[in-house]
Amino acid sequence: MRYGPATLRPASVRPITVSRPSLLRFPLVDRSTQVDDPFVRSTQLAKVEAAFWLADEPLTSKKLATVAGLVDGREAKRLIDQLRHLYEAE
């Protein structure tokens, strides 16, 4: 049984003193647009880079493709080459 102001407010409505979750407060950023910066990584390239940073041992291209959620080892090798070129350019 509820007493006080809670009896007047439905359970689905938040009190005024409670802020909305950050997902609802901030607008979503559209990340599908291309950026002209050559050092910006795609989502797949970022996953490959993260897998390299987190790996305890050397990864084969097939294992890297599995960990990063890529199609096959050839795509992993292509992204590795792209990452290598980005590191050399930096």
PDB file of N, CA and C in Angstrom:
ATOM      1  N   MET A   1       0.846  -1.169   0.000  1.00  0.00           N
ATOM      2  CA  MET A   1       0.000   0.000   0.000  1.00  0.00           C
ATOM      3  C   MET A   1       0.898   1.242   0.000  1.00  0.00           C
ATOM      4  N   ARG A   2       0.565   2.200  -0.863  1.00  0.00           N
ATOM      5  CA  ARG A   2       1.358   3.421  -0.971  1.00  0.00           C
ATOM      6  C   ARG A   2       0.624   4.573  -0.309  1.00  0.00           C
ATOM      7  N   TYR A   3       1.386   5.462   0.275  1.00  0.00           N
ATOM      8  CA  TYR A   3       0.815   6.629   0.929  1.00  0.00           C
ATOM      9  C   TYR A   3       1.450   7.892   0.367  1.00  0.00           C
ATOM     10  N   GLY A   4       0.835   9.007   0.510  1.00  0.00           N
ATOM     11  CA  GLY A   4       1.397  10.295   0.118  1.00  0.00           C
ATOM     12  C   GLY A   4       1.280  10.546  -1.373  1.00  0.00           C
ATOM     13  N   PRO A   5       2.232  11.328  -1.946  1.00  0.00           N
ATOM     14  CA  PRO A   5       2.144  11.712  -3.344  1.00  0.00           C
ATOM     15  C   PRO A   5       2.261  10.527  -4.298  1.00  0.00           C
ATOM     16  N   ALA A   6       2.847   9.440  -3.848  1.00  0.00           N
ATOM     17  CA  ALA A   6       2.996   8.273  -4.717  1.00  0.00           C
ATOM     18  C   ALA A   6       1.638   7.681  -5.089  1.00  0.00           C
ATOM     19  N   THR A   7       0.640   7.920  -4.285  1.00  0.00           N
ATOM     20  CA  THR A   7      -0.681   7.387  -4.611  1.00  0.00           C
ATOM     21  C   THR A   7      -1.318   8.130  -5.777  1.00  0.00           C
ATOM     22  N   LEU A   8      -0.878   9.372  -6.042  1.00  0.00           N
ATOM     23  CA  LEU A   8      -1.449  10.173  -7.117  1.00  0.00           C
ATOM     24  C   LEU A   8      -0.732   9.939  -8.455  1.00  0.00           C
ATOM     25  N   ARG A   9       0.465   9.432  -8.407  1.00  0.00           N
ATOM     26  CA  ARG A   9       1.263   9.267  -9.610  1.00  0.00           C
ATOM     27  C   ARG A   9       1.268   7.802 -10.027  1.00  0.00           C
ATOM     28  N   PRO A  10       0.982   7.517 -11.327  1.00  0.00           N
ATOM     29  CA  PRO A  10       1.062   6.127 -11.782  1.00  0.00           C
ATOM     30  C   PRO A  10       2.512   5.623 -11.702  1.00  0.00           C
ATOM     31  N   ALA A  11       2.669   4.353 -11.591  1.00  0.00           N
ATOM     32  CA  ALA A  11       4.005   3.776 -11.444  1.00  0.00           C
ATOM     33  C   ALA A  11       4.867   3.979 -12.688  1.00  0.00           C
ATOM     34  N   SER A  12       4.250   4.188 -13.854  1.00  0.00           N
ATOM     35  CA  SER A  12       5.020   4.357 -15.081  1.00  0.00           C
ATOM     36  C   SER A  12       5.585   5.763 -15.239  1.00  0.00           C
ATOM     37  N   VAL A  13       5.168   6.710 -14.407  1.00  0.00           N
ATOM     38  CA  VAL A  13       5.630   8.097 -14.490  1.00  0.00           C
ATOM     39  C   VAL A  13       6.709   8.317 -13.444  1.00  0.00           C
ATOM     40  N   ARG A  14       7.838   8.918 -13.894  1.00  0.00           N
ATOM     41  CA  ARG A  14       8.948   9.170 -12.973  1.00  0.00           C
ATOM     42  C   ARG A  14       8.714  10.464 -12.205  1.00  0.00           C
ATOM     43  N   PRO A  15       9.186  10.553 -10.977  1.00  0.00           N
ATOM     44  CA  PRO A  15       9.074  11.807 -10.230  1.00  0.00           C
ATOM     45  C   PRO A  15       9.886  12.916 -10.911  1.00  0.00           C
ATOM     46  N   ILE A  16       9.519  14.161 -10.680  1.00  0.00           N
ATOM     47  CA  ILE A  16      10.192  15.295 -11.293  1.00  0.00           C
ATOM     48  C   ILE A  16      11.640  15.388 -10.832  1.00  0.00           C
ATOM     49  N   THR A  17      11.940  14.986  -9.623  1.00  0.00           N
ATOM     50  CA  THR A  17      13.285  15.122  -9.067  1.00  0.00           C
ATOM     51  C   THR A  17      14.270  14.094  -9.625  1.00  0.00           C
ATOM     52  N   VAL A  18      13.795  13.111 -10.347  1.00  0.00           N
ATOM     53  CA  VAL A  18      14.661  12.071 -10.903  1.00  0.00           C
ATOM     54  C   VAL A  18      14.930  12.405 -12.364  1.00  0.00           C
ATOM     55  N   SER A  19      16.221  12.479 -12.732  1.00  0.00           N
ATOM     56  CA  SER A  19      16.551  12.802 -14.117  1.00  0.00           C
ATOM     57  C   SER A  19      16.348  11.588 -15.014  1.00  0.00           C
ATOM     58  N   ARG A  20      16.149  11.860 -16.289  1.00  0.00           N
ATOM     59  CA  ARG A  20      15.963  10.791 -17.255  1.00  0.00           C
ATOM     60  C   ARG A  20      17.286  10.081 -17.496  1.00  0.00           C
ATOM     61  N   PRO A  21      17.272   8.835 -17.937  1.00  0.00           N
ATOM     62  CA  PRO A  21      18.516   8.138 -18.257  1.00  0.00           C
ATOM     63  C   PRO A  21      19.276   8.871 -19.361  1.00  0.00           C
ATOM     64  N   SER A  22      20.592   8.746 -19.363  1.00  0.00           N
ATOM     65  CA  SER A  22      21.420   9.476 -20.314  1.00  0.00           C
ATOM     66  C   SER A  22      21.080   9.130 -21.759  1.00  0.00           C
ATOM     67  N   LEU A  23      20.617   7.918 -22.003  1.00  0.00           N
ATOM     68  CA  LEU A  23      20.235   7.535 -23.357  1.00  0.00           C
ATOM     69  C   LEU A  23      19.096   8.404 -23.872  1.00  0.00           C
ATOM     70  N   LEU A  24      18.221   8.825 -22.966  1.00  0.00           N
ATOM     71  CA  LEU A  24      17.097   9.662 -23.360  1.00  0.00           C
ATOM     72  C   LEU A  24      17.418  11.155 -23.286  1.00  0.00           C
ATOM     73  N   ARG A  25      18.427  11.539 -22.483  1.00  0.00           N
ATOM     74  CA  ARG A  25      18.766  12.952 -22.337  1.00  0.00           C
ATOM     75  C   ARG A  25      19.588  13.474 -23.501  1.00  0.00           C
ATOM     76  N   PHE A  26      20.487  12.652 -24.031  1.00  0.00           N
ATOM     77  CA  PHE A  26      21.388  13.100 -25.081  1.00  0.00           C
ATOM     78  C   PHE A  26      20.936  12.545 -26.425  1.00  0.00           C
ATOM     79  N   PRO A  27      20.989  13.353 -27.471  1.00  0.00           N
ATOM     80  CA  PRO A  27      20.581  12.848 -28.786  1.00  0.00           C
ATOM     81  C   PRO A  27      21.560  11.802 -29.296  1.00  0.00           C
ATOM     82  N   LEU A  28      21.046  10.864 -30.059  1.00  0.00           N
ATOM     83  CA  LEU A  28      21.892   9.835 -30.630  1.00  0.00           C
ATOM     84  C   LEU A  28      22.721  10.428 -31.763  1.00  0.00           C
ATOM     85  N   VAL A  29      23.973  10.034 -31.834  1.00  0.00           N
ATOM     86  CA  VAL A  29      24.864  10.528 -32.872  1.00  0.00           C
ATOM     87  C   VAL A  29      24.801   9.568 -34.047  1.00  0.00           C
ATOM     88  N   ASP A  30      24.606  10.117 -35.225  1.00  0.00           N
ATOM     89  CA  ASP A  30      24.578   9.296 -36.424  1.00  0.00           C
ATOM     90  C   ASP A  30      26.014   8.985 -36.841  1.00  0.00           C
ATOM     91  N   ARG A  31      26.456   7.748 -36.614  1.00  0.00           N
ATOM     92  CA  ARG A  31      27.826   7.370 -36.912  1.00  0.00           C
ATOM     93  C   ARG A  31      27.970   6.780 -38.313  1.00  0.00           C
ATOM     94  N   SER A  32      26.912   6.808 -39.101  1.00  0.00           N
ATOM     95  CA  SER A  32      26.991   6.240 -40.436  1.00  0.00           C
ATOM     96  C   SER A  32      27.594   7.206 -41.441  1.00  0.00           C
ATOM     97  N   THR A  33      27.703   8.477 -41.075  1.00  0.00           N
ATOM     98  CA  THR A  33      28.286   9.441 -42.000  1.00  0.00           C
ATOM     99  C   THR A  33      29.793   9.269 -42.049  1.00  0.00           C
ATOM    100  N   GLN A  34      30.357   9.512 -43.209  1.00  0.00           N
ATOM    101  CA  GLN A  34      31.789   9.379 -43.398  1.00  0.00           C
ATOM    102  C   GLN A  34      32.493  10.646 -42.922  1.00  0.00           C
ATOM    103  N   VAL A  35      33.638  10.461 -42.292  1.00  0.00           N
ATOM    104  CA  VAL A  35      34.443  11.570 -41.815  1.00  0.00           C
ATOM    105  C   VAL A  35      35.663  11.676 -42.715  1.00  0.00           C
ATOM    106  N   ASP A  36      36.098  12.903 -42.998  1.00  0.00           N
ATOM    107  CA  ASP A  36      37.219  13.109 -43.907  1.00  0.00           C
ATOM    108  C   ASP A  36      38.575  12.854 -43.263  1.00  0.00           C
ATOM    109  N   ASP A  37      38.614  12.641 -41.963  1.00  0.00           N
ATOM    110  CA  ASP A  37      39.877  12.410 -41.275  1.00  0.00           C
ATOM    111  C   ASP A  37      40.418  11.025 -41.640  1.00  0.00           C
ATOM    112  N   PRO A  38      41.654  10.936 -42.150  1.00  0.00           N
ATOM    113  CA  PRO A  38      42.180   9.631 -42.559  1.00  0.00           C
ATOM    114  C   PRO A  38      42.492   8.695 -41.400  1.00  0.00           C
ATOM    115  N   PHE A  39      42.564   9.220 -40.172  1.00  0.00           N
ATOM    116  CA  PHE A  39      42.915   8.384 -39.030  1.00  0.00           C
ATOM    117  C   PHE A  39      41.703   7.853 -38.277  1.00  0.00           C
ATOM    118  N   VAL A  40      40.509   8.151 -38.754  1.00  0.00           N
ATOM    119  CA  VAL A  40      39.293   7.629 -38.133  1.00  0.00           C
ATOM    120  C   VAL A  40      39.132   6.164 -38.533  1.00  0.00           C
ATOM    121  N   ARG A  41      38.895   5.317 -37.560  1.00  0.00           N
ATOM    122  CA  ARG A  41      38.759   3.889 -37.816  1.00  0.00           C
ATOM    123  C   ARG A  41      37.296   3.506 -37.992  1.00  0.00           C
ATOM    124  N   SER A  42      37.069   2.542 -38.881  1.00  0.00           N
ATOM    125  CA  SER A  42      35.732   1.991 -39.023  1.00  0.00           C
ATOM    126  C   SER A  42      35.464   1.074 -37.825  1.00  0.00           C
ATOM    127  N   THR A  43      34.233   0.646 -37.701  1.00  0.00           N
ATOM    128  CA  THR A  43      33.875  -0.220 -36.578  1.00  0.00           C
ATOM    129  C   THR A  43      34.651  -1.535 -36.635  1.00  0.00           C
ATOM    130  N   GLN A  44      34.751  -2.117 -37.818  1.00  0.00           N
ATOM    131  CA  GLN A  44      35.469  -3.387 -37.960  1.00  0.00           C
ATOM    132  C   GLN A  44      36.953  -3.206 -37.659  1.00  0.00           C
ATOM    133  N   LEU A  45      37.535  -2.123 -38.149  1.00  0.00           N
ATOM    134  CA  LEU A  45      38.952  -1.867 -37.900  1.00  0.00           C
ATOM    135  C   LEU A  45      39.200  -1.628 -36.413  1.00  0.00           C
ATOM    136  N   ALA A  46      38.281  -0.947 -35.753  1.00  0.00           N
ATOM    137  CA  ALA A  46      38.402  -0.716 -34.311  1.00  0.00           C
ATOM    138  C   ALA A  46      38.326  -2.028 -33.539  1.00  0.00           C
ATOM    139  N   LYS A  47      37.482  -2.957 -33.991  1.00  0.00           N
ATOM    140  CA  LYS A  47      37.399  -4.265 -33.331  1.00  0.00           C
ATOM    141  C   LYS A  47      38.686  -5.057 -33.500  1.00  0.00           C
ATOM    142  N   VAL A  48      39.270  -4.988 -34.695  1.00  0.00           N
ATOM    143  CA  VAL A  48      40.539  -5.690 -34.939  1.00  0.00           C
ATOM    144  C   VAL A  48      41.638  -5.099 -34.061  1.00  0.00           C
ATOM    145  N   GLU A  49      41.692  -3.774 -33.992  1.00  0.00           N
ATOM    146  CA  GLU A  49      42.701  -3.113 -33.167  1.00  0.00           C
ATOM    147  C   GLU A  49      42.517  -3.468 -31.691  1.00  0.00           C
ATOM    148  N   ALA A  50      41.274  -3.497 -31.231  1.00  0.00           N
ATOM    149  CA  ALA A  50      41.001  -3.858 -29.837  1.00  0.00           C
ATOM    150  C   ALA A  50      41.399  -5.304 -29.562  1.00  0.00           C
ATOM    151  N   ALA A  51      41.167  -6.193 -30.525  1.00  0.00           N
ATOM    152  CA  ALA A  51      41.555  -7.593 -30.344  1.00  0.00           C
ATOM    153  C   ALA A  51      43.063  -7.722 -30.216  1.00  0.00           C
ATOM    154  N   PHE A  52      43.805  -6.925 -30.989  1.00  0.00           N
ATOM    155  CA  PHE A  52      45.270  -6.948 -30.869  1.00  0.00           C
ATOM    156  C   PHE A  52      45.720  -6.460 -29.506  1.00  0.00           C
ATOM    157  N   TRP A  53      45.095  -5.397 -29.020  1.00  0.00           N
ATOM    158  CA  TRP A  53      45.488  -4.843 -27.730  1.00  0.00           C
ATOM    159  C   TRP A  53      45.156  -5.794 -26.578  1.00  0.00           C
ATOM    160  N   LEU A  54      44.091  -6.545 -26.705  1.00  0.00           N
ATOM    161  CA  LEU A  54      43.652  -7.402 -25.601  1.00  0.00           C
ATOM    162  C   LEU A  54      44.199  -8.822 -25.658  1.00  0.00           C
ATOM    163  N   ALA A  55      44.802  -9.186 -26.774  1.00  0.00           N
ATOM    164  CA  ALA A  55      45.268 -10.567 -26.946  1.00  0.00           C
ATOM    165  C   ALA A  55      46.486 -10.835 -26.071  1.00  0.00           C
ATOM    166  N   ASP A  56      46.507 -12.022 -25.473  1.00  0.00           N
ATOM    167  CA  ASP A  56      47.652 -12.456 -24.669  1.00  0.00           C
ATOM    168  C   ASP A  56      48.707 -13.143 -25.522  1.00  0.00           C
ATOM    169  N   GLU A  57      48.325 -13.566 -26.701  1.00  0.00           N
ATOM    170  CA  GLU A  57      49.225 -14.309 -27.581  1.00  0.00           C
ATOM    171  C   GLU A  57      48.967 -13.869 -29.022  1.00  0.00           C
ATOM    172  N   PRO A  58      49.881 -14.155 -29.927  1.00  0.00           N
ATOM    173  CA  PRO A  58      49.651 -13.793 -31.333  1.00  0.00           C
ATOM    174  C   PRO A  58      48.387 -14.472 -31.877  1.00  0.00           C
ATOM    175  N   LEU A  59      47.651 -13.739 -32.705  1.00  0.00           N
ATOM    176  CA  LEU A  59      46.407 -14.246 -33.268  1.00  0.00           C
ATOM    177  C   LEU A  59      46.586 -14.552 -34.748  1.00  0.00           C
ATOM    178  N   THR A  60      46.074 -15.692 -35.177  1.00  0.00           N
ATOM    179  CA  THR A  60      46.042 -15.988 -36.605  1.00  0.00           C
ATOM    180  C   THR A  60      44.912 -15.176 -37.230  1.00  0.00           C
ATOM    181  N   SER A  61      44.942 -15.041 -38.546  1.00  0.00           N
ATOM    182  CA  SER A  61      43.906 -14.244 -39.209  1.00  0.00           C
ATOM    183  C   SER A  61      42.528 -14.885 -39.039  1.00  0.00           C
ATOM    184  N   LYS A  62      42.485 -16.201 -39.010  1.00  0.00           N
ATOM    185  CA  LYS A  62      41.198 -16.893 -38.829  1.00  0.00           C
ATOM    186  C   LYS A  62      40.640 -16.651 -37.421  1.00  0.00           C
ATOM    187  N   LYS A  63      41.523 -16.737 -36.425  1.00  0.00           N
ATOM    188  CA  LYS A  63      41.093 -16.512 -35.049  1.00  0.00           C
ATOM    189  C   LYS A  63      40.710 -15.045 -34.839  1.00  0.00           C
ATOM    190  N   LEU A  64      41.462 -14.149 -35.476  1.00  0.00           N
ATOM    191  CA  LEU A  64      41.146 -12.731 -35.382  1.00  0.00           C
ATOM    192  C   LEU A  64      39.790 -12.437 -36.015  1.00  0.00           C
ATOM    193  N   ALA A  65      39.491 -13.086 -37.131  1.00  0.00           N
ATOM    194  CA  ALA A  65      38.196 -12.906 -37.781  1.00  0.00           C
ATOM    195  C   ALA A  65      37.065 -13.381 -36.873  1.00  0.00           C
ATOM    196  N   THR A  66      37.289 -14.471 -36.181  1.00  0.00           N
ATOM    197  CA  THR A  66      36.273 -14.986 -35.259  1.00  0.00           C
ATOM    198  C   THR A  66      36.059 -14.036 -34.084  1.00  0.00           C
ATOM    199  N   VAL A  67      37.153 -13.560 -33.510  1.00  0.00           N
ATOM    200  CA  VAL A  67      37.071 -12.683 -32.336  1.00  0.00           C
ATOM    201  C   VAL A  67      36.442 -11.338 -32.695  1.00  0.00           C
ATOM    202  N   ALA A  68      36.813 -10.786 -33.852  1.00  0.00           N
ATOM    203  CA  ALA A  68      36.325  -9.463 -34.247  1.00  0.00           C
ATOM    204  C   ALA A  68      34.985  -9.514 -34.967  1.00  0.00           C
ATOM    205  N   GLY A  69      34.463 -10.713 -35.214  1.00  0.00           N
ATOM    206  CA  GLY A  69      33.172 -10.839 -35.875  1.00  0.00           C
ATOM    207  C   GLY A  69      33.238 -10.537 -37.361  1.00  0.00           C
ATOM    208  N   LEU A  70      34.345 -10.911 -38.003  1.00  0.00           N
ATOM    209  CA  LEU A  70      34.513 -10.666 -39.435  1.00  0.00           C
ATOM    210  C   LEU A  70      34.067 -11.881 -40.231  1.00  0.00           C
ATOM    211  N   VAL A  71      33.972 -11.708 -41.533  1.00  0.00           N
ATOM    212  CA  VAL A  71      33.489 -12.777 -42.396  1.00  0.00           C
ATOM    213  C   VAL A  71      34.491 -13.922 -42.494  1.00  0.00           C
ATOM    214  N   ASP A  72      35.751 -13.580 -42.805  1.00  0.00           N
ATOM    215  CA  ASP A  72      36.772 -14.626 -42.954  1.00  0.00           C
ATOM    216  C   ASP A  72      38.157 -14.049 -42.695  1.00  0.00           C
ATOM    217  N   GLY A  73      39.166 -14.897 -42.837  1.00  0.00           N
ATOM    218  CA  GLY A  73      40.542 -14.494 -42.588  1.00  0.00           C
ATOM    219  C   GLY A  73      41.075 -13.494 -43.594  1.00  0.00           C
ATOM    220  N   ARG A  74      40.558 -13.540 -44.834  1.00  0.00           N
ATOM    221  CA  ARG A  74      41.010 -12.576 -45.843  1.00  0.00           C
ATOM    222  C   ARG A  74      40.615 -11.156 -45.470  1.00  0.00           C
ATOM    223  N   GLU A  75      39.430 -11.003 -44.936  1.00  0.00           N
ATOM    224  CA  GLU A  75      39.000  -9.674 -44.486  1.00  0.00           C
ATOM    225  C   GLU A  75      39.854  -9.210 -43.313  1.00  0.00           C
ATOM    226  N   ALA A  76      40.210 -10.137 -42.435  1.00  0.00           N
ATOM    227  CA  ALA A  76      41.083  -9.801 -41.312  1.00  0.00           C
ATOM    228  C   ALA A  76      42.444  -9.342 -41.817  1.00  0.00           C
ATOM    229  N   LYS A  77      43.001 -10.040 -42.823  1.00  0.00           N
ATOM    230  CA  LYS A  77      44.293  -9.639 -43.379  1.00  0.00           C
ATOM    231  C   LYS A  77      44.215  -8.266 -44.033  1.00  0.00           C
ATOM    232  N   ARG A  78      43.106  -7.991 -44.717  1.00  0.00           N
ATOM    233  CA  ARG A  78      42.931  -6.680 -45.356  1.00  0.00           C
ATOM    234  C   ARG A  78      42.893  -5.576 -44.296  1.00  0.00           C
ATOM    235  N   LEU A  79      42.188  -5.822 -43.195  1.00  0.00           N
ATOM    236  CA  LEU A  79      42.104  -4.828 -42.130  1.00  0.00           C
ATOM    237  C   LEU A  79      43.432  -4.677 -41.398  1.00  0.00           C
ATOM    238  N   ILE A  80      44.178  -5.760 -41.275  1.00  0.00           N
ATOM    239  CA  ILE A  80      45.504  -5.687 -40.656  1.00  0.00           C
ATOM    240  C   ILE A  80      46.415  -4.799 -41.495  1.00  0.00           C
ATOM    241  N   ASP A  81      46.373  -4.972 -42.824  1.00  0.00           N
ATOM    242  CA  ASP A  81      47.179  -4.124 -43.703  1.00  0.00           C
ATOM    243  C   ASP A  81      46.763  -2.663 -43.594  1.00  0.00           C
ATOM    244  N   GLN A  82      45.468  -2.425 -43.531  1.00  0.00           N
ATOM    245  CA  GLN A  82      44.971  -1.058 -43.390  1.00  0.00           C
ATOM    246  C   GLN A  82      45.433  -0.456 -42.069  1.00  0.00           C
ATOM    247  N   LEU A  83      45.385  -1.237 -40.993  1.00  0.00           N
ATOM    248  CA  LEU A  83      45.837  -0.775 -39.686  1.00  0.00           C
ATOM    249  C   LEU A  83      47.335  -0.503 -39.691  1.00  0.00           C
ATOM    250  N   ARG A  84      48.099  -1.356 -40.372  1.00  0.00           N
ATOM    251  CA  ARG A  84      49.544  -1.166 -40.486  1.00  0.00           C
ATOM    252  C   ARG A  84      49.843   0.168 -41.180  1.00  0.00           C
ATOM    253  N   HIS A  85      49.121   0.452 -42.259  1.00  0.00           N
ATOM    254  CA  HIS A  85      49.338   1.711 -42.980  1.00  0.00           C
ATOM    255  C   HIS A  85      48.958   2.920 -42.110  1.00  0.00           C
ATOM    256  N   LEU A  86      47.900   2.790 -41.314  1.00  0.00           N
ATOM    257  CA  LEU A  86      47.539   3.881 -40.423  1.00  0.00           C
ATOM    258  C   LEU A  86      48.615   4.136 -39.380  1.00  0.00           C
ATOM    259  N   TYR A  87      49.175   3.058 -38.824  1.00  0.00           N
ATOM    260  CA  TYR A  87      50.251   3.212 -37.825  1.00  0.00           C
ATOM    261  C   TYR A  87      51.489   3.830 -38.445  1.00  0.00           C
ATOM    262  N   GLU A  88      51.822   3.437 -39.676  1.00  0.00           N
ATOM    263  CA  GLU A  88      52.994   4.008 -40.331  1.00  0.00           C
ATOM    264  C   GLU A  88      52.789   5.483 -40.644  1.00  0.00           C
ATOM    265  N   ALA A  89      51.561   5.880 -40.970  1.00  0.00           N
ATOM    266  CA  ALA A  89      51.269   7.278 -41.290  1.00  0.00           C
ATOM    267  C   ALA A  89      51.268   8.161 -40.045  1.00  0.00           C
ATOM    268  N   GLU A  90      50.961   7.581 -38.903  1.00  0.00           N
ATOM    269  CA  GLU A  90      50.953   8.359 -37.660  1.00  0.00           C
ATOM    270  C   GLU A  90      52.372   8.600 -37.241  1.00  0.00           C
TER     271      GLU A  90
END
